[in-house]
Amino acid sequence: MKQVKQFFLTHAKQWEAQVTAVGTLCVSNLSIAKGLYAFASEQAAQYHAIHAHCKHLWQYVAEYIALGVGDVVPSEAQTVDGNMAVIASE
């Protein structure tokens, strides 16, 4: 979980760096520069939103697992050769 959240946070920061870099580009067309800025800003915002969503969804997972009151993995999931495989319900 931590790695997934870190992935989204890292990519958000990379896109924020691109937003900053747009200001240093020598672009002859102002519309192109504005488009690059808008695209990079939107990408950064999306990655931040996904990070926040994962953080919200997973905030109590560790406590739930520690309680030991039930299966965390759904019954449809099985381990096959050490890998998780989801078996479709019929």
N, C-alpha and C. Protein backbone atom coordinates (compact mmCIF):
# COMPACT_ATOMS: atom_id res chain seq x y z
N MET A 1 0.83 -1.19 0.00
CA MET A 1 0.00 0.00 0.00
C MET A 1 0.87 1.25 0.00
N LYS A 2 1.88 1.23 0.84
CA LYS A 2 2.75 2.39 0.94
C LYS A 2 3.44 2.66 -0.40
N GLN A 3 3.86 1.60 -1.07
CA GLN A 3 4.54 1.75 -2.36
C GLN A 3 3.62 2.33 -3.41
N VAL A 4 2.35 1.93 -3.38
CA VAL A 4 1.39 2.45 -4.36
C VAL A 4 1.17 3.94 -4.13
N LYS A 5 0.98 4.32 -2.87
CA LYS A 5 0.79 5.73 -2.57
C LYS A 5 2.02 6.54 -2.94
N GLN A 6 3.21 5.99 -2.67
CA GLN A 6 4.45 6.67 -3.00
C GLN A 6 4.59 6.84 -4.51
N PHE A 7 4.16 5.83 -5.27
CA PHE A 7 4.20 5.90 -6.73
C PHE A 7 3.42 7.11 -7.22
N PHE A 8 2.19 7.27 -6.74
CA PHE A 8 1.35 8.39 -7.19
C PHE A 8 1.92 9.73 -6.73
N LEU A 9 2.45 9.79 -5.53
CA LEU A 9 3.04 11.02 -5.02
C LEU A 9 4.29 11.40 -5.83
N THR A 10 5.11 10.42 -6.16
CA THR A 10 6.31 10.68 -6.95
C THR A 10 5.96 11.22 -8.33
N HIS A 11 4.97 10.61 -8.96
CA HIS A 11 4.56 11.08 -10.29
C HIS A 11 3.93 12.46 -10.23
N ALA A 12 3.21 12.75 -9.17
CA ALA A 12 2.64 14.10 -9.01
C ALA A 12 3.77 15.13 -8.94
N LYS A 13 4.79 14.81 -8.17
CA LYS A 13 5.92 15.74 -8.05
C LYS A 13 6.68 15.89 -9.37
N GLN A 14 6.78 14.80 -10.13
CA GLN A 14 7.44 14.89 -11.43
C GLN A 14 6.67 15.81 -12.37
N TRP A 15 5.33 15.70 -12.34
CA TRP A 15 4.53 16.58 -13.20
C TRP A 15 4.60 18.02 -12.71
N GLU A 16 4.70 18.23 -11.39
CA GLU A 16 4.86 19.59 -10.88
C GLU A 16 6.18 20.19 -11.36
N ALA A 17 7.20 19.36 -11.47
CA ALA A 17 8.48 19.84 -12.00
C ALA A 17 8.33 20.23 -13.46
N GLN A 18 7.50 19.50 -14.19
CA GLN A 18 7.25 19.85 -15.59
C GLN A 18 6.51 21.18 -15.70
N VAL A 19 5.60 21.43 -14.76
CA VAL A 19 4.90 22.72 -14.75
C VAL A 19 5.91 23.85 -14.62
N THR A 20 6.86 23.69 -13.71
CA THR A 20 7.90 24.69 -13.51
C THR A 20 8.78 24.82 -14.75
N ALA A 21 9.09 23.69 -15.37
CA ALA A 21 9.97 23.69 -16.55
C ALA A 21 9.34 24.39 -17.74
N VAL A 22 8.03 24.39 -17.83
CA VAL A 22 7.36 25.05 -18.96
C VAL A 22 7.73 26.52 -19.02
N GLY A 23 7.91 27.14 -17.85
CA GLY A 23 8.27 28.56 -17.80
C GLY A 23 9.65 28.84 -18.35
N THR A 24 10.50 27.83 -18.40
CA THR A 24 11.86 28.03 -18.91
C THR A 24 12.00 27.70 -20.40
N LEU A 25 10.93 27.16 -20.99
CA LEU A 25 10.99 26.81 -22.42
C LEU A 25 10.92 28.06 -23.29
N CYS A 26 11.62 28.01 -24.38
CA CYS A 26 11.53 29.08 -25.36
C CYS A 26 10.54 28.63 -26.43
N VAL A 27 9.28 28.93 -26.19
CA VAL A 27 8.22 28.52 -27.11
C VAL A 27 7.74 29.77 -27.84
N SER A 28 7.76 29.69 -29.16
CA SER A 28 7.37 30.87 -29.94
C SER A 28 5.87 31.11 -29.91
N ASN A 29 5.11 30.09 -29.63
CA ASN A 29 3.65 30.22 -29.62
C ASN A 29 3.16 30.17 -28.17
N LEU A 30 2.56 31.25 -27.72
CA LEU A 30 2.07 31.35 -26.35
C LEU A 30 0.98 30.31 -26.07
N SER A 31 0.17 29.99 -27.07
CA SER A 31 -0.88 28.99 -26.89
C SER A 31 -0.30 27.62 -26.57
N ILE A 32 0.80 27.28 -27.22
CA ILE A 32 1.46 26.00 -26.95
C ILE A 32 1.99 25.98 -25.52
N ALA A 33 2.61 27.06 -25.10
CA ALA A 33 3.14 27.14 -23.74
C ALA A 33 2.02 27.01 -22.71
N LYS A 34 0.90 27.68 -22.96
CA LYS A 34 -0.24 27.59 -22.04
C LYS A 34 -0.80 26.17 -22.02
N GLY A 35 -0.84 25.52 -23.18
CA GLY A 35 -1.33 24.15 -23.26
C GLY A 35 -0.43 23.19 -22.50
N LEU A 36 0.89 23.34 -22.65
CA LEU A 36 1.83 22.50 -21.92
C LEU A 36 1.68 22.70 -20.42
N TYR A 37 1.54 23.94 -20.00
CA TYR A 37 1.36 24.27 -18.59
C TYR A 37 0.07 23.63 -18.06
N ALA A 38 -1.02 23.78 -18.81
CA ALA A 38 -2.31 23.25 -18.38
C ALA A 38 -2.26 21.72 -18.29
N PHE A 39 -1.64 21.08 -19.29
CA PHE A 39 -1.56 19.62 -19.29
C PHE A 39 -0.76 19.12 -18.10
N ALA A 40 0.41 19.69 -17.87
CA ALA A 40 1.26 19.27 -16.76
C ALA A 40 0.57 19.52 -15.42
N SER A 41 -0.11 20.65 -15.30
CA SER A 41 -0.83 20.96 -14.07
C SER A 41 -1.94 19.94 -13.81
N GLU A 42 -2.67 19.58 -14.85
CA GLU A 42 -3.76 18.62 -14.71
C GLU A 42 -3.23 17.23 -14.35
N GLN A 43 -2.12 16.83 -14.96
CA GLN A 43 -1.53 15.54 -14.63
C GLN A 43 -1.11 15.51 -13.16
N ALA A 44 -0.47 16.57 -12.69
CA ALA A 44 -0.06 16.64 -11.29
C ALA A 44 -1.28 16.56 -10.38
N ALA A 45 -2.34 17.27 -10.73
CA ALA A 45 -3.56 17.26 -9.92
C ALA A 45 -4.18 15.87 -9.88
N GLN A 46 -4.18 15.18 -11.01
CA GLN A 46 -4.75 13.83 -11.06
C GLN A 46 -3.97 12.86 -10.18
N TYR A 47 -2.65 12.92 -10.25
CA TYR A 47 -1.84 12.04 -9.42
C TYR A 47 -2.01 12.35 -7.94
N HIS A 48 -2.13 13.62 -7.60
CA HIS A 48 -2.38 13.99 -6.20
C HIS A 48 -3.75 13.47 -5.75
N ALA A 49 -4.74 13.55 -6.63
CA ALA A 49 -6.08 13.08 -6.29
C ALA A 49 -6.10 11.57 -6.08
N ILE A 50 -5.41 10.83 -6.93
CA ILE A 50 -5.36 9.37 -6.77
C ILE A 50 -4.62 9.01 -5.48
N HIS A 51 -3.54 9.72 -5.20
CA HIS A 51 -2.79 9.49 -3.94
C HIS A 51 -3.71 9.72 -2.74
N ALA A 52 -4.44 10.82 -2.74
CA ALA A 52 -5.33 11.14 -1.62
C ALA A 52 -6.44 10.10 -1.50
N HIS A 53 -6.95 9.62 -2.64
CA HIS A 53 -8.02 8.62 -2.63
C HIS A 53 -7.51 7.30 -2.02
N CYS A 54 -6.33 6.86 -2.43
CA CYS A 54 -5.74 5.64 -1.87
C CYS A 54 -5.50 5.80 -0.38
N LYS A 55 -4.98 6.94 0.01
CA LYS A 55 -4.70 7.21 1.43
C LYS A 55 -5.99 7.12 2.24
N HIS A 56 -7.07 7.68 1.71
CA HIS A 56 -8.36 7.65 2.38
C HIS A 56 -8.91 6.23 2.47
N LEU A 57 -8.87 5.50 1.35
CA LEU A 57 -9.43 4.15 1.33
C LEU A 57 -8.68 3.18 2.24
N TRP A 58 -7.38 3.36 2.34
CA TRP A 58 -6.55 2.39 3.06
C TRP A 58 -6.18 2.82 4.47
N GLN A 59 -6.79 3.88 4.98
CA GLN A 59 -6.36 4.42 6.26
C GLN A 59 -6.55 3.45 7.43
N TYR A 60 -7.51 2.54 7.35
CA TYR A 60 -7.75 1.64 8.47
C TYR A 60 -7.42 0.18 8.16
N VAL A 61 -6.79 -0.09 7.06
CA VAL A 61 -6.49 -1.47 6.68
C VAL A 61 -5.59 -2.15 7.70
N ALA A 62 -4.53 -1.49 8.14
CA ALA A 62 -3.61 -2.10 9.12
C ALA A 62 -4.33 -2.46 10.41
N GLU A 63 -5.22 -1.58 10.88
CA GLU A 63 -5.97 -1.85 12.10
C GLU A 63 -6.92 -3.03 11.90
N TYR A 64 -7.55 -3.09 10.74
CA TYR A 64 -8.48 -4.18 10.44
C TYR A 64 -7.75 -5.52 10.43
N ILE A 65 -6.60 -5.55 9.79
CA ILE A 65 -5.81 -6.78 9.74
C ILE A 65 -5.38 -7.18 11.15
N ALA A 66 -4.98 -6.20 11.95
CA ALA A 66 -4.53 -6.47 13.31
C ALA A 66 -5.65 -7.05 14.18
N LEU A 67 -6.90 -6.70 13.88
CA LEU A 67 -8.03 -7.24 14.65
C LEU A 67 -8.17 -8.75 14.45
N GLY A 68 -7.85 -9.21 13.24
CA GLY A 68 -7.94 -10.63 12.94
C GLY A 68 -9.35 -11.18 12.98
N VAL A 69 -10.34 -10.35 12.66
CA VAL A 69 -11.74 -10.78 12.74
C VAL A 69 -12.27 -11.45 11.47
N GLY A 70 -11.51 -11.40 10.41
CA GLY A 70 -12.01 -12.01 9.19
C GLY A 70 -10.98 -11.98 8.09
N ASP A 71 -11.37 -12.59 7.00
CA ASP A 71 -10.48 -12.63 5.86
C ASP A 71 -10.37 -11.26 5.22
N VAL A 72 -9.15 -10.89 4.91
CA VAL A 72 -8.93 -9.65 4.19
C VAL A 72 -9.05 -9.92 2.69
N VAL A 73 -8.60 -11.10 2.28
CA VAL A 73 -8.66 -11.50 0.87
C VAL A 73 -10.01 -12.16 0.64
N PRO A 74 -10.75 -11.75 -0.38
CA PRO A 74 -12.05 -12.35 -0.65
C PRO A 74 -11.93 -13.85 -0.94
N SER A 75 -13.01 -14.57 -0.67
CA SER A 75 -13.00 -16.02 -0.87
C SER A 75 -12.81 -16.39 -2.34
N GLU A 76 -13.08 -15.48 -3.26
CA GLU A 76 -12.91 -15.76 -4.68
C GLU A 76 -11.45 -15.82 -5.08
N ALA A 77 -10.58 -15.32 -4.23
CA ALA A 77 -9.16 -15.29 -4.55
C ALA A 77 -8.47 -16.55 -4.02
N GLN A 78 -7.58 -17.07 -4.82
CA GLN A 78 -6.82 -18.26 -4.43
C GLN A 78 -5.36 -18.02 -4.74
N THR A 79 -4.49 -18.75 -4.06
CA THR A 79 -3.07 -18.69 -4.36
C THR A 79 -2.74 -19.85 -5.28
N VAL A 80 -2.15 -19.52 -6.42
CA VAL A 80 -1.75 -20.53 -7.40
C VAL A 80 -0.27 -20.36 -7.65
N ASP A 81 0.52 -21.37 -7.31
CA ASP A 81 1.97 -21.32 -7.50
C ASP A 81 2.59 -20.07 -6.88
N GLY A 82 2.12 -19.69 -5.72
CA GLY A 82 2.69 -18.55 -5.03
C GLY A 82 2.19 -17.20 -5.53
N ASN A 83 1.33 -17.20 -6.52
CA ASN A 83 0.79 -15.95 -7.07
C ASN A 83 -0.69 -15.87 -6.76
N MET A 84 -1.19 -14.65 -6.60
CA MET A 84 -2.60 -14.46 -6.35
C MET A 84 -3.36 -14.57 -7.66
N ALA A 85 -4.37 -15.38 -7.67
CA ALA A 85 -5.22 -15.54 -8.86
C ALA A 85 -6.66 -15.35 -8.44
N VAL A 86 -7.38 -14.54 -9.15
CA VAL A 86 -8.79 -14.31 -8.83
C VAL A 86 -9.62 -15.26 -9.67
N ILE A 87 -10.44 -16.05 -9.00
CA ILE A 87 -11.33 -17.00 -9.68
C ILE A 87 -12.68 -16.32 -9.85
N ALA A 88 -13.13 -16.25 -11.07
CA ALA A 88 -14.40 -15.58 -11.36
C ALA A 88 -15.56 -16.40 -10.78
N SER A 89 -16.54 -15.70 -10.22
CA SER A 89 -17.75 -16.37 -9.71
C SER A 89 -18.59 -16.82 -10.89
N GLU A 90 -19.19 -17.97 -10.73
CA GLU A 90 -20.06 -18.47 -11.82
C GLU A 90 -21.49 -18.20 -11.51
